C-alpha atoms as a PDB file:
ATOM      1  CA  UNK A   1       0.291   0.117   0.006  1.00  0.00           C
ATOM      2  CA  UNK A   2       1.018   3.480  -0.214  1.00  0.00           C
ATOM      3  CA  UNK A   3       1.943   5.650   1.366  1.00  0.00           C
ATOM      4  CA  UNK A   4       2.467   3.591   4.458  1.00  0.00           C
ATOM      5  CA  UNK A   5       0.933   4.585   7.410  1.00  0.00           C
ATOM      6  CA  UNK A   6       4.242   4.466   9.616  1.00  0.00           C
ATOM      7  CA  UNK A   7       6.308   7.562   7.376  1.00  0.00           C
ATOM      8  CA  UNK A   8       6.226  10.956   8.062  1.00  0.00           C
ATOM      9  CA  UNK A   9       6.389  13.679   5.253  1.00  0.00           C
ATOM     10  CA  UNK A  10      10.271  14.335   6.747  1.00  0.00           C
ATOM     11  CA  UNK A  11      11.216  10.529   6.743  1.00  0.00           C
ATOM     12  CA  UNK A  12       9.460  10.194   2.945  1.00  0.00           C
ATOM     13  CA  UNK A  13      11.959  13.244   1.703  1.00  0.00           C
ATOM     14  CA  UNK A  14      15.538  11.568   3.179  1.00  0.00           C
ATOM     15  CA  UNK A  15      14.435   8.161   1.355  1.00  0.00           C
ATOM     16  CA  UNK A  16      13.573  10.068  -1.829  1.00  0.00           C
ATOM     17  CA  UNK A  17      16.915  11.842  -1.835  1.00  0.00           C
ATOM     18  CA  UNK A  18      18.880   9.037  -1.308  1.00  0.00           C
ATOM     19  CA  UNK A  19      17.251   7.366  -3.537  1.00  0.00           C
ATOM     20  CA  UNK A  20      18.121   9.876  -6.251  1.00  0.00           C
ATOM     21  CA  UNK A  21      21.509   9.982  -4.830  1.00  0.00           C
ATOM     22  CA  UNK A  22      22.204   6.374  -5.337  1.00  0.00           C
ATOM     23  CA  UNK A  23      20.533   6.397  -8.823  1.00  0.00           C
ATOM     24  CA  UNK A  24      22.801   9.342  -9.580  1.00  0.00           C
ATOM     25  CA  UNK A  25      26.322   7.705  -8.232  1.00  0.00           C
ATOM     26  CA  UNK A  26      25.773   5.232 -11.093  1.00  0.00           C
ATOM     27  CA  UNK A  27      24.643   7.532 -13.776  1.00  0.00           C
ATOM     28  CA  UNK A  28      21.291   4.961 -13.513  1.00  0.00           C
ATOM     29  CA  UNK A  29      18.184   5.665 -16.393  1.00  0.00           C
ATOM     30  CA  UNK A  30      15.288   4.945 -16.914  1.00  0.00           C
ATOM     31  CA  UNK A  31      12.457   3.295 -14.294  1.00  0.00           C
ATOM     32  CA  UNK A  32      14.040   1.586 -11.122  1.00  0.00           C
ATOM     33  CA  UNK A  33      12.765   0.511  -7.703  1.00  0.00           C
ATOM     34  CA  UNK A  34      14.974   1.493  -4.618  1.00  0.00           C
ATOM     35  CA  UNK A  35      14.086  -0.576  -1.294  1.00  0.00           C
ATOM     36  CA  UNK A  36      14.465   0.441   1.825  1.00  0.00           C
ATOM     37  CA  UNK A  37      14.170  -1.105   5.566  1.00  0.00           C
ATOM     38  CA  UNK A  38      12.880   1.076   8.189  1.00  0.00           C
ATOM     39  CA  UNK A  39      13.168   0.070  11.830  1.00  0.00           C
ATOM     40  CA  UNK A  40      10.905   1.030  14.535  1.00  0.00           C
ATOM     41  CA  UNK A  41      12.826   4.293  15.118  1.00  0.00           C
ATOM     42  CA  UNK A  42      12.318   5.456  11.763  1.00  0.00           C
ATOM     43  CA  UNK A  43      15.925   4.949  10.877  1.00  0.00           C
ATOM     44  CA  UNK A  44      16.260   3.101   7.006  1.00  0.00           C
ATOM     45  CA  UNK A  45      18.613   0.895   5.660  1.00  0.00           C
ATOM     46  CA  UNK A  46      19.369   0.299   1.875  1.00  0.00           C
ATOM     47  CA  UNK A  47      17.640  -2.935   0.673  1.00  0.00           C
ATOM     48  CA  UNK A  48      18.187  -3.390  -2.954  1.00  0.00           C
ATOM     49  CA  UNK A  49      17.650  -1.645  -5.951  1.00  0.00           C
ATOM     50  CA  UNK A  50      15.873  -3.310  -8.811  1.00  0.00           C
ATOM     51  CA  UNK A  51      16.689  -1.944 -12.129  1.00  0.00           C
ATOM     52  CA  UNK A  52      12.836  -1.592 -13.289  1.00  0.00           C
ATOM     53  CA  UNK A  53       9.685  -0.975 -13.218  1.00  0.00           C
ATOM     54  CA  UNK A  54       7.963  -2.275  -9.778  1.00  0.00           C
ATOM     55  CA  UNK A  55       5.871  -5.327  -9.961  1.00  0.00           C
ATOM     56  CA  UNK A  56       3.638  -2.416  -7.618  1.00  0.00           C
ATOM     57  CA  UNK A  57       3.528   0.116  -9.716  1.00  0.00           C
ATOM     58  CA  UNK A  58      -0.237   0.779 -10.001  1.00  0.00           C
ATOM     59  CA  UNK A  59      -0.290   1.709  -6.010  1.00  0.00           C
ATOM     60  CA  UNK A  60       2.392   4.635  -7.053  1.00  0.00           C
ATOM     61  CA  UNK A  61       0.612   5.402 -10.315  1.00  0.00           C
ATOM     62  CA  UNK A  62      -2.683   5.946  -8.535  1.00  0.00           C
ATOM     63  CA  UNK A  63      -1.688   7.927  -5.257  1.00  0.00           C
ATOM     64  CA  UNK A  64       0.160  10.311  -7.488  1.00  0.00           C
ATOM     65  CA  UNK A  65      -1.998  10.299 -10.629  1.00  0.00           C
ATOM     66  CA  UNK A  66       0.801   9.425 -13.234  1.00  0.00           C
ATOM     67  CA  UNK A  67       1.562   7.171 -15.772  1.00  0.00           C
ATOM     68  CA  UNK A  68       5.064   5.044 -14.686  1.00  0.00           C
ATOM     69  CA  UNK A  69       4.760   2.831 -17.618  1.00  0.00           C
ATOM     70  CA  UNK A  70       4.339   5.243 -20.295  1.00  0.00           C
ATOM     71  CA  UNK A  71       7.134   7.420 -18.741  1.00  0.00           C
ATOM     72  CA  UNK A  72       9.538   5.044 -18.841  1.00  0.00           C
ATOM     73  CA  UNK A  73       9.041   4.616 -22.198  1.00  0.00           C
ATOM     74  CA  UNK A  74       9.121   8.259 -22.611  1.00  0.00           C
ATOM     75  CA  UNK A  75      12.357   8.013 -21.136  1.00  0.00           C
ATOM     76  CA  UNK A  76      14.317   5.458 -23.125  1.00  0.00           C
ATOM     77  CA  UNK A  77      13.405   7.629 -25.946  1.00  0.00           C
ATOM     78  CA  UNK A  78      15.080  10.185 -24.928  1.00  0.00           C
ATOM     79  CA  UNK A  79      12.339  12.850 -23.835  1.00  0.00           C
ATOM     80  CA  UNK A  80      13.249  14.324 -20.636  1.00  0.00           C
ATOM     81  CA  UNK A  81      11.291  13.088 -17.558  1.00  0.00           C
ATOM     82  CA  UNK A  82       7.909  15.545 -17.256  1.00  0.00           C
ATOM     83  CA  UNK A  83       8.168  16.263 -13.526  1.00  0.00           C
ATOM     84  CA  UNK A  84      10.052  15.975 -10.305  1.00  0.00           C
ATOM     85  CA  UNK A  85       7.653  16.280  -7.110  1.00  0.00           C
ATOM     86  CA  UNK A  86       5.498  13.342  -6.863  1.00  0.00           C
ATOM     87  CA  UNK A  87       3.347  13.953  -3.990  1.00  0.00           C
ATOM     88  CA  UNK A  88       1.105  11.253  -2.681  1.00  0.00           C
ATOM     89  CA  UNK A  89      -2.381  12.831  -2.565  1.00  0.00           C
ATOM     90  CA  UNK A  90      -4.414   9.507  -2.889  1.00  0.00           C
ATOM     91  CA  UNK A  91      -4.077   6.112  -0.413  1.00  0.00           C
ATOM     92  CA  UNK A  92      -3.973   3.130  -2.590  1.00  0.00           C
ATOM     93  CA  UNK A  93      -3.442  -0.692  -1.839  1.00  0.00           C
ATOM     94  CA  UNK A  94      -3.191  -3.896  -3.685  1.00  0.00           C
ATOM     95  CA  UNK A  95      -3.998  -7.485  -3.123  1.00  0.00           C
ATOM     96  CA  UNK A  96      -1.987 -10.018  -5.654  1.00  0.00           C
ATOM     97  CA  UNK A  97      -4.352 -12.395  -6.714  1.00  0.00           C
ATOM     98  CA  UNK A  98      -2.289 -15.473  -7.432  1.00  0.00           C
ATOM     99  CA  UNK A  99      -3.507 -19.213  -8.246  1.00  0.00           C
ATOM    100  CA  UNK A 100      -2.793 -20.670  -5.040  1.00  0.00           C
ATOM    101  CA  UNK A 101      -4.353 -22.581  -2.405  1.00  0.00           C
ATOM    102  CA  UNK A 102      -4.173 -20.198   1.062  1.00  0.00           C
ATOM    103  CA  UNK A 103      -6.104 -23.205   3.051  1.00  0.00           C
ATOM    104  CA  UNK A 104      -3.301 -25.387   1.879  1.00  0.00           C
ATOM    105  CA  UNK A 105      -0.370 -23.464   2.715  1.00  0.00           C
ATOM    106  CA  UNK A 106      -0.639 -21.562  -0.606  1.00  0.00           C
ATOM    107  CA  UNK A 107      -0.222 -24.428  -2.995  1.00  0.00           C
ATOM    108  CA  UNK A 108      -0.026 -23.512  -6.248  1.00  0.00           C
ATOM    109  CA  UNK A 109      -3.122 -24.023  -7.995  1.00  0.00           C
ATOM    110  CA  UNK A 110      -2.670 -24.442 -11.966  1.00  0.00           C
ATOM    111  CA  UNK A 111      -5.839 -25.360 -13.886  1.00  0.00           C
ATOM    112  CA  UNK A 112      -8.730 -24.121 -15.669  1.00  0.00           C
ATOM    113  CA  UNK A 113     -10.502 -20.935 -15.125  1.00  0.00           C
ATOM    114  CA  UNK A 114     -14.886 -21.848 -15.368  1.00  0.00           C
ATOM    115  CA  UNK A 115     -15.918 -18.411 -14.667  1.00  0.00           C
ATOM    116  CA  UNK A 116     -14.063 -15.133 -14.178  1.00  0.00           C
ATOM    117  CA  UNK A 117     -15.930 -11.403 -13.254  1.00  0.00           C
ATOM    118  CA  UNK A 118     -13.830  -8.550 -11.873  1.00  0.00           C
ATOM    119  CA  UNK A 119     -15.241  -6.258  -9.722  1.00  0.00           C
ATOM    120  CA  UNK A 120     -15.117  -2.599 -10.905  1.00  0.00           C
ATOM    121  CA  UNK A 121     -16.770   0.972  -9.809  1.00  0.00           C
ATOM    122  CA  UNK A 122     -15.255   4.021  -8.371  1.00  0.00           C
ATOM    123  CA  UNK A 123     -11.606   3.867  -6.600  1.00  0.00           C
ATOM    124  CA  UNK A 124     -11.246   0.173  -8.280  1.00  0.00           C
ATOM    125  CA  UNK A 125      -8.706  -0.768 -10.702  1.00  0.00           C
ATOM    126  CA  UNK A 126      -8.079  -4.592 -12.195  1.00  0.00           C
ATOM    127  CA  UNK A 127      -4.838  -5.343 -14.290  1.00  0.00           C
ATOM    128  CA  UNK A 128      -5.142  -9.042 -15.657  1.00  0.00           C
ATOM    129  CA  UNK A 129      -4.215 -11.216 -18.521  1.00  0.00           C
ATOM    130  CA  UNK A 130      -7.139 -14.096 -17.504  1.00  0.00           C
ATOM    131  CA  UNK A 131     -10.478 -14.915 -18.360  1.00  0.00           C
ATOM    132  CA  UNK A 132     -12.967 -17.586 -18.359  1.00  0.00           C
ATOM    133  CA  UNK A 133     -11.838 -20.420 -20.372  1.00  0.00           C
ATOM    134  CA  UNK A 134      -7.865 -19.501 -19.779  1.00  0.00           C
ATOM    135  CA  UNK A 135      -5.798 -21.835 -18.780  1.00  0.00           C
ATOM    136  CA  UNK A 136      -3.236 -20.915 -16.112  1.00  0.00           C
ATOM    137  CA  UNK A 137       0.107 -23.332 -16.497  1.00  0.00           C
ATOM    138  CA  UNK A 138       1.967 -24.566 -13.555  1.00  0.00           C
ATOM    139  CA  UNK A 139       5.563 -23.919 -15.039  1.00  0.00           C
ATOM    140  CA  UNK A 140       5.006 -19.627 -14.614  1.00  0.00           C
ATOM    141  CA  UNK A 141       4.429 -17.293 -11.820  1.00  0.00           C
ATOM    142  CA  UNK A 142       0.839 -17.540 -10.130  1.00  0.00           C
ATOM    143  CA  UNK A 143      -0.080 -13.985  -9.941  1.00  0.00           C
ATOM    144  CA  UNK A 144      -3.206 -14.107 -11.855  1.00  0.00           C
ATOM    145  CA  UNK A 145      -4.112 -10.056 -11.272  1.00  0.00           C
ATOM    146  CA  UNK A 146      -3.367  -7.068  -9.405  1.00  0.00           C
ATOM    147  CA  UNK A 147      -6.447  -5.701  -7.519  1.00  0.00           C
ATOM    148  CA  UNK A 148      -5.978  -2.096  -6.750  1.00  0.00           C
ATOM    149  CA  UNK A 149      -8.626   0.316  -4.537  1.00  0.00           C
ATOM    150  CA  UNK A 150      -7.678   4.144  -4.356  1.00  0.00           C
ATOM    151  CA  UNK A 151      -9.550   6.466  -1.626  1.00  0.00           C
ATOM    152  CA  UNK A 152      -8.728   9.792  -0.285  1.00  0.00           C
ATOM    153  CA  UNK A 153      -7.941   7.652   3.170  1.00  0.00           C
ATOM    154  CA  UNK A 154      -6.265   4.710   4.199  1.00  0.00           C
ATOM    155  CA  UNK A 155      -9.822   3.175   5.825  1.00  0.00           C
ATOM    156  CA  UNK A 156     -11.682   4.470   2.849  1.00  0.00           C
ATOM    157  CA  UNK A 157      -9.662   2.603   0.462  1.00  0.00           C
ATOM    158  CA  UNK A 158      -9.429  -0.342   3.086  1.00  0.00           C
ATOM    159  CA  UNK A 159     -13.350  -0.656   2.809  1.00  0.00           C
ATOM    160  CA  UNK A 160     -13.371  -0.268  -1.151  1.00  0.00           C
ATOM    161  CA  UNK A 161     -11.005  -3.277  -1.081  1.00  0.00           C
ATOM    162  CA  UNK A 162     -13.206  -5.399   1.279  1.00  0.00           C
ATOM    163  CA  UNK A 163     -15.671  -4.588  -1.472  1.00  0.00           C
ATOM    164  CA  UNK A 164     -13.895  -5.286  -4.509  1.00  0.00           C
ATOM    165  CA  UNK A 165     -12.835  -8.674  -3.211  1.00  0.00           C
ATOM    166  CA  UNK A 166     -16.226  -9.541  -1.922  1.00  0.00           C
ATOM    167  CA  UNK A 167     -17.322  -9.054  -5.811  1.00  0.00           C
ATOM    168  CA  UNK A 168     -14.052 -10.854  -7.342  1.00  0.00           C
ATOM    169  CA  UNK A 169     -15.150 -14.546  -8.604  1.00  0.00           C
ATOM    170  CA  UNK A 170     -13.063 -16.962 -10.230  1.00  0.00           C
ATOM    171  CA  UNK A 171     -13.694 -20.519 -10.295  1.00  0.00           C
ATOM    172  CA  UNK A 172     -12.276 -23.213 -11.546  1.00  0.00           C
ATOM    173  CA  UNK A 173      -9.166 -22.772  -9.576  1.00  0.00           C
ATOM    174  CA  UNK A 174      -8.246 -21.986  -6.020  1.00  0.00           C
ATOM    175  CA  UNK A 175      -6.987 -17.923  -4.891  1.00  0.00           C
ATOM    176  CA  UNK A 176      -5.755 -15.934  -2.833  1.00  0.00           C
ATOM    177  CA  UNK A 177      -9.123 -14.067  -2.479  1.00  0.00           C
ATOM    178  CA  UNK A 178     -10.401 -15.905   0.512  1.00  0.00           C
ATOM    179  CA  UNK A 179      -6.746 -14.864   2.496  1.00  0.00           C
ATOM    180  CA  UNK A 180      -7.087 -11.046   1.388  1.00  0.00           C
ATOM    181  CA  UNK A 181     -10.988 -10.733   2.693  1.00  0.00           C
ATOM    182  CA  UNK A 182      -9.502 -11.881   5.799  1.00  0.00           C
ATOM    183  CA  UNK A 183      -6.610  -9.769   5.950  1.00  0.00           C
ATOM    184  CA  UNK A 184      -8.793  -6.588   5.264  1.00  0.00           C
ATOM    185  CA  UNK A 185     -10.856  -7.328   8.491  1.00  0.00           C
ATOM    186  CA  UNK A 186      -7.781  -7.901  10.766  1.00  0.00           C
ATOM    187  CA  UNK A 187      -7.534  -5.336  13.894  1.00  0.00           C
ATOM    188  CA  UNK A 188      -4.085  -4.816  13.344  1.00  0.00           C
ATOM    189  CA  UNK A 189      -3.769  -4.472   9.607  1.00  0.00           C
ATOM    190  CA  UNK A 190      -6.379  -1.703   9.837  1.00  0.00           C
ATOM    191  CA  UNK A 191      -4.801   0.327  12.485  1.00  0.00           C
ATOM    192  CA  UNK A 192      -1.655   0.373  10.478  1.00  0.00           C
ATOM    193  CA  UNK A 193       0.423  -1.912  13.273  1.00  0.00           C
ATOM    194  CA  UNK A 194       2.446  -4.386  11.152  1.00  0.00           C
ATOM    195  CA  UNK A 195       6.080  -4.936  10.558  1.00  0.00           C
ATOM    196  CA  UNK A 196       7.447  -7.888   8.186  1.00  0.00           C
ATOM    197  CA  UNK A 197       6.952 -10.214  11.063  1.00  0.00           C
ATOM    198  CA  UNK A 198       3.145  -9.233  10.331  1.00  0.00           C
ATOM    199  CA  UNK A 199       2.808 -12.952   8.796  1.00  0.00           C
ATOM    200  CA  UNK A 200       3.862 -14.910  11.213  1.00  0.00           C
ATOM    201  CA  UNK A 201       1.262 -14.026  13.586  1.00  0.00           C
ATOM    202  CA  UNK A 202      -1.858 -13.289  11.713  1.00  0.00           C
ATOM    203  CA  UNK A 203      -4.695 -16.232  12.164  1.00  0.00           C
ATOM    204  CA  UNK A 204      -5.982 -17.413   9.177  1.00  0.00           C
ATOM    205  CA  UNK A 205      -8.558 -19.545   9.617  1.00  0.00           C
ATOM    206  CA  UNK A 206     -11.426 -21.897   7.117  1.00  0.00           C
END
């Protein structure tokens, strides 16, 4: 999700400056993703840089109202970047919809999709390549859709995500939709009280 409920404007500015400094140091061109770890004292540490667009680029696009895919193509073509002051003005959450069984340790669930209905409405975006009749192969990544919900506030974005997940219908294979629905209802998640160890204590029930 973005922006992180733990972030402050000051921390975001410092991390942004560090990311830019690192990219300039290696004369980097094009889209890239710089990742940091942040401790409970809001100290941040460089983790890695992926020299590509991030998987969750729709989240960034929704909160700053900017098409990153279009921009990276323009930059690669030698066209100067169109702006430099990207401040989040919305809140977005993304759920990866995977063909996995959350009730069986997220075991892959390849097979044929017999029914597919994606949610819609204000603040809902679905990026996918699948359809009713699509055969999910067993030898590729299990992600079959990205569900992104955007709203003015985090609470509104969570509520929109709950509604969208409940409307999302994929039959014929197991998916992570039930898992995400329970996650959206978790009190600690809704309060923004979580760390990288959150999943170790999250209780997902059948």
